[in-house]
C-alpha atoms as a PDB file:
ATOM      1  CA  MET A   1      99.886  30.894 -68.180  1.00  0.00           C
ATOM      2  CA  ASN A   2     100.934  33.963 -66.194  1.00  0.00           C
ATOM      3  CA  SER A   3     100.696  33.640 -62.415  1.00  0.00           C
ATOM      4  CA  LEU A   4     102.193  35.229 -59.298  1.00  0.00           C
ATOM      5  CA  ASP A   5     102.723  33.712 -55.861  1.00  0.00           C
ATOM      6  CA  ILE A   6     102.525  35.693 -52.614  1.00  0.00           C
ATOM      7  CA  ASN A   7     106.214  36.686 -52.662  1.00  0.00           C
ATOM      8  CA  GLN A   8     105.890  38.043 -56.202  1.00  0.00           C
ATOM      9  CA  ILE A   9     102.685  39.886 -55.250  1.00  0.00           C
ATOM     10  CA  LYS A  10     104.605  41.669 -52.474  1.00  0.00           C
ATOM     11  CA  GLU A  11     106.880  43.111 -55.176  1.00  0.00           C
ATOM     12  CA  TYR A  12     103.848  44.903 -56.674  1.00  0.00           C
ATOM     13  CA  LEU A  13     101.923  45.914 -53.540  1.00  0.00           C
ATOM     14  CA  PRO A  14     103.186  47.764 -50.456  1.00  0.00           C
ATOM     15  CA  HIS A  15     100.474  46.155 -48.312  1.00  0.00           C
ATOM     16  CA  ARG A  16     101.422  43.646 -45.631  1.00  0.00           C
ATOM     17  CA  TYR A  17      99.506  41.606 -43.073  1.00  0.00           C
ATOM     18  CA  PRO A  18      96.771  42.236 -42.130  1.00  0.00           C
ATOM     19  CA  MET A  19      96.011  44.489 -45.124  1.00  0.00           C
ATOM     20  CA  LEU A  20      97.483  42.373 -47.932  1.00  0.00           C
ATOM     21  CA  LEU A  21      94.322  40.844 -49.397  1.00  0.00           C
ATOM     22  CA  VAL A  22      95.605  39.048 -52.504  1.00  0.00           C
ATOM     23  CA  ASP A  23      97.116  35.589 -51.982  1.00  0.00           C
ATOM     24  CA  ARG A  24      97.741  34.507 -55.574  1.00  0.00           C
ATOM     25  CA  VAL A  25      97.358  35.824 -59.092  1.00  0.00           C
ATOM     26  CA  LEU A  26      96.026  32.992 -61.237  1.00  0.00           C
ATOM     27  CA  ASN A  27      96.487  34.707 -64.610  1.00  0.00           C
ATOM     28  CA  TRP A  28      96.469  38.047 -66.399  1.00  0.00           C
ATOM     29  CA  GLU A  29      96.501  39.558 -69.831  1.00  0.00           C
ATOM     30  CA  ASN A  30      98.465  42.805 -70.074  1.00  0.00           C
ATOM     31  CA  GLY A  31      96.265  45.794 -70.717  1.00  0.00           C
ATOM     32  CA  LYS A  32      93.096  43.751 -70.307  1.00  0.00           C
ATOM     33  CA  SER A  33      92.335  41.622 -67.255  1.00  0.00           C
ATOM     34  CA  ILE A  34      93.526  39.725 -64.199  1.00  0.00           C
ATOM     35  CA  THR A  35      92.186  36.933 -61.978  1.00  0.00           C
ATOM     36  CA  ALA A  36      93.383  36.543 -58.392  1.00  0.00           C
ATOM     37  CA  ILE A  37      92.299  34.877 -55.160  1.00  0.00           C
ATOM     38  CA  LYS A  38      92.036  35.675 -51.470  1.00  0.00           C
ATOM     39  CA  ASN A  39      91.775  32.681 -49.160  1.00  0.00           C
ATOM     40  CA  VAL A  40      89.481  33.752 -46.339  1.00  0.00           C
ATOM     41  CA  THR A  41      90.542  32.020 -43.130  1.00  0.00           C
ATOM     42  CA  ALA A  42      88.938  31.853 -39.690  1.00  0.00           C
ATOM     43  CA  ASN A  43      91.958  33.530 -38.081  1.00  0.00           C
ATOM     44  CA  GLU A  44      91.512  36.835 -39.966  1.00  0.00           C
ATOM     45  CA  GLU A  45      91.654  39.705 -37.447  1.00  0.00           C
ATOM     46  CA  PHE A  46      88.403  41.299 -38.592  1.00  0.00           C
ATOM     47  CA  PHE A  47      86.331  38.207 -37.759  1.00  0.00           C
ATOM     48  CA  ASN A  48      86.863  38.876 -34.031  1.00  0.00           C
ATOM     49  CA  GLY A  49      84.437  41.777 -34.226  1.00  0.00           C
ATOM     50  CA  HIS A  50      82.593  41.280 -37.538  1.00  0.00           C
ATOM     51  CA  PHE A  51      80.665  39.456 -36.190  1.00  0.00           C
ATOM     52  CA  PRO A  52      81.534  37.255 -33.181  1.00  0.00           C
ATOM     53  CA  ASN A  53      78.485  34.968 -33.576  1.00  0.00           C
ATOM     54  CA  LYS A  54      78.285  35.032 -37.389  1.00  0.00           C
ATOM     55  CA  PRO A  55      81.647  35.933 -38.965  1.00  0.00           C
ATOM     56  CA  VAL A  56      81.420  37.640 -42.360  1.00  0.00           C
ATOM     57  CA  MET A  57      84.109  39.469 -44.330  1.00  0.00           C
ATOM     58  CA  PRO A  58      83.433  43.223 -44.303  1.00  0.00           C
ATOM     59  CA  GLY A  59      82.297  44.546 -47.673  1.00  0.00           C
ATOM     60  CA  VAL A  60      84.927  47.273 -47.659  1.00  0.00           C
ATOM     61  CA  LEU A  61      87.635  44.591 -47.452  1.00  0.00           C
ATOM     62  CA  MET A  62      86.159  42.747 -50.420  1.00  0.00           C
ATOM     63  CA  ILE A  63      86.323  46.042 -52.352  1.00  0.00           C
ATOM     64  CA  GLU A  64      89.902  46.549 -51.124  1.00  0.00           C
ATOM     65  CA  ALA A  65      90.866  43.052 -52.334  1.00  0.00           C
ATOM     66  CA  MET A  66      89.539  43.924 -55.796  1.00  0.00           C
ATOM     67  CA  ALA A  67      91.358  47.284 -55.722  1.00  0.00           C
ATOM     68  CA  GLN A  68      94.656  45.586 -54.825  1.00  0.00           C
ATOM     69  CA  THR A  69      94.101  43.162 -57.695  1.00  0.00           C
ATOM     70  CA  ALA A  70      93.501  46.138 -60.012  1.00  0.00           C
ATOM     71  CA  ALA A  71      96.724  47.806 -58.828  1.00  0.00           C
ATOM     72  CA  ILE A  72      98.716  44.673 -59.659  1.00  0.00           C
ATOM     73  CA  LEU A  73      97.164  44.632 -63.140  1.00  0.00           C
ATOM     74  CA  SER A  74      98.127  48.273 -63.670  1.00  0.00           C
ATOM     75  CA  PHE A  75     101.782  47.646 -62.819  1.00  0.00           C
ATOM     76  CA  LEU A  76     101.898  44.476 -64.912  1.00  0.00           C
ATOM     77  CA  THR A  77     100.365  46.388 -67.831  1.00  0.00           C
ATOM     78  CA  MET A  78     102.965  49.156 -67.503  1.00  0.00           C
ATOM     79  CA  GLY A  79     105.679  46.506 -67.371  1.00  0.00           C
ATOM     80  CA  GLN A  80     107.189  47.850 -64.176  1.00  0.00           C
ATOM     81  CA  LYS A  81     107.193  47.267 -60.463  1.00  0.00           C
ATOM     82  CA  PRO A  82     106.479  50.200 -58.174  1.00  0.00           C
ATOM     83  CA  ASP A  83     109.357  51.885 -56.426  1.00  0.00           C
ATOM     84  CA  GLU A  84     109.313  53.255 -52.891  1.00  0.00           C
ATOM     85  CA  ASN A  85     108.328  56.650 -54.318  1.00  0.00           C
ATOM     86  CA  THR A  86     105.122  55.437 -56.047  1.00  0.00           C
ATOM     87  CA  ILE A  87     101.738  55.469 -54.340  1.00  0.00           C
ATOM     88  CA  VAL A  88      98.535  54.032 -55.817  1.00  0.00           C
ATOM     89  CA  TYR A  89      95.437  55.844 -54.588  1.00  0.00           C
ATOM     90  CA  PHE A  90      91.965  54.351 -54.672  1.00  0.00           C
ATOM     91  CA  LEU A  91      89.781  57.154 -56.058  1.00  0.00           C
ATOM     92  CA  GLY A  92      86.308  55.728 -56.043  1.00  0.00           C
ATOM     93  CA  ILE A  93      83.796  53.058 -56.798  1.00  0.00           C
ATOM     94  CA  ASP A  94      80.602  53.181 -58.818  1.00  0.00           C
ATOM     95  CA  GLY A  95      77.751  50.703 -58.753  1.00  0.00           C
ATOM     96  CA  ALA A  96      79.005  48.598 -55.852  1.00  0.00           C
ATOM     97  CA  ARG A  97      76.639  45.750 -55.070  1.00  0.00           C
ATOM     98  CA  PHE A  98      77.034  43.041 -52.467  1.00  0.00           C
ATOM     99  CA  LYS A  99      75.314  39.807 -53.402  1.00  0.00           C
ATOM    100  CA  ARG A 100      76.346  37.188 -50.841  1.00  0.00           C
ATOM    101  CA  PRO A 101      78.260  37.035 -47.556  1.00  0.00           C
ATOM    102  CA  VAL A 102      81.859  35.817 -47.532  1.00  0.00           C
ATOM    103  CA  GLU A 103      82.676  33.591 -44.573  1.00  0.00           C
ATOM    104  CA  PRO A 104      85.692  31.800 -43.108  1.00  0.00           C
ATOM    105  CA  GLY A 105      86.763  28.958 -45.397  1.00  0.00           C
ATOM    106  CA  ASP A 106      85.616  30.716 -48.568  1.00  0.00           C
ATOM    107  CA  GLN A 107      87.944  31.521 -51.446  1.00  0.00           C
ATOM    108  CA  LEU A 108      87.246  34.944 -52.927  1.00  0.00           C
ATOM    109  CA  LYS A 109      88.056  34.952 -56.649  1.00  0.00           C
ATOM    110  CA  MET A 110      88.575  38.462 -58.004  1.00  0.00           C
ATOM    111  CA  GLU A 111      88.235  39.216 -61.703  1.00  0.00           C
ATOM    112  CA  VAL A 112      89.219  42.708 -62.821  1.00  0.00           C
ATOM    113  CA  GLU A 113      89.323  44.173 -66.306  1.00  0.00           C
ATOM    114  CA  ILE A 114      90.533  47.561 -67.458  1.00  0.00           C
ATOM    115  CA  ILE A 115      87.743  49.697 -68.892  1.00  0.00           C
ATOM    116  CA  LYS A 116      89.891  52.726 -69.752  1.00  0.00           C
ATOM    117  CA  VAL A 117      92.907  54.773 -68.818  1.00  0.00           C
ATOM    118  CA  ALA A 118      92.709  58.543 -69.271  1.00  0.00           C
ATOM    119  CA  ARG A 119      94.590  61.477 -67.738  1.00  0.00           C
ATOM    120  CA  GLY A 120      96.318  59.228 -65.225  1.00  0.00           C
ATOM    121  CA  ILE A 121      93.090  57.661 -63.976  1.00  0.00           C
ATOM    122  CA  TRP A 122      92.560  53.938 -64.394  1.00  0.00           C
ATOM    123  CA  LYS A 123      89.001  52.609 -64.451  1.00  0.00           C
ATOM    124  CA  TYR A 124      88.184  48.924 -63.989  1.00  0.00           C
ATOM    125  CA  LYS A 125      85.181  46.614 -63.986  1.00  0.00           C
ATOM    126  CA  ALA A 126      85.570  44.271 -61.014  1.00  0.00           C
ATOM    127  CA  LYS A 127      83.752  41.353 -59.485  1.00  0.00           C
ATOM    128  CA  ALA A 128      84.473  38.762 -56.836  1.00  0.00           C
ATOM    129  CA  THR A 129      82.873  35.349 -56.583  1.00  0.00           C
ATOM    130  CA  VAL A 130      82.802  32.433 -54.164  1.00  0.00           C
ATOM    131  CA  ASP A 131      82.237  28.994 -55.693  1.00  0.00           C
ATOM    132  CA  GLY A 132      80.981  30.674 -58.862  1.00  0.00           C
ATOM    133  CA  GLN A 133      78.427  32.813 -56.991  1.00  0.00           C
ATOM    134  CA  LEU A 134      78.746  36.591 -57.275  1.00  0.00           C
ATOM    135  CA  ALA A 135      79.720  38.140 -53.929  1.00  0.00           C
ATOM    136  CA  VAL A 136      80.471  41.751 -54.930  1.00  0.00           C
ATOM    137  CA  GLU A 137      80.807  43.837 -58.071  1.00  0.00           C
ATOM    138  CA  GLY A 138      81.498  47.426 -59.045  1.00  0.00           C
ATOM    139  CA  GLU A 139      83.583  49.802 -61.142  1.00  0.00           C
ATOM    140  CA  LEU A 140      86.801  50.933 -59.460  1.00  0.00           C
ATOM    141  CA  MET A 141      89.027  53.949 -60.135  1.00  0.00           C
ATOM    142  CA  CYS A 142      92.601  54.589 -59.078  1.00  0.00           C
ATOM    143  CA  THR A 143      95.566  56.775 -59.900  1.00  0.00           C
ATOM    144  CA  MET A 144      99.303  56.586 -59.323  1.00  0.00           C
ATOM    145  CA  ARG A 145     101.321  59.415 -57.872  1.00  0.00           C
ATOM    146  CA  THR A 146     104.817  59.952 -56.622  1.00  0.00           C
ATOM    147  CA  LYS A 147     105.098  60.915 -52.958  1.00  0.00           C
ATOM    148  CA  GLU A 148     106.089  64.414 -54.094  1.00  0.00           C
ATOM    149  CA  GLU A 149     102.979  64.756 -56.286  1.00  0.00           C
ATOM    150  CA  ALA A 150     100.850  63.505 -53.398  1.00  0.00           C
ATOM    151  CA  LYS A 151     102.179  66.273 -51.124  1.00  0.00           C
ATOM    152  CA  GLU A 152     101.292  68.925 -53.714  1.00  0.00           C
ATOM    153  CA  SER A 153      97.663  67.849 -54.105  1.00  0.00           C
END
């Protein structure tokens, strides 16, 4: 079984605390799919204001966790780790639906599969669950650019 721990994940993502939202990759199949987890703890910064009396993980951060999982899958599929010149841009999301709140103590399990890759744009079907219950789903899109290409666009 393929898996990645947090130190290996950091080799694929530039994100760091508090924006690194993938704690472990459980498994993946190159060119197809990946499963990863985010352990949601009470000491997450965003819970201080979202919401003080009823802490819930912001939906945009659940989407971001799925997007980071998708980025890891893309690099694994290409068989390379990003270099300091590579930037992955989140381009959009279609059909996002939030089905249940995610609270401190939950484990968010992200499942992402590649739908297609065309003209440098990767499209994925993504969902995240807690204890087998759907929390969020949607179709994500991203692209990879060098820093030089990013300046030109």
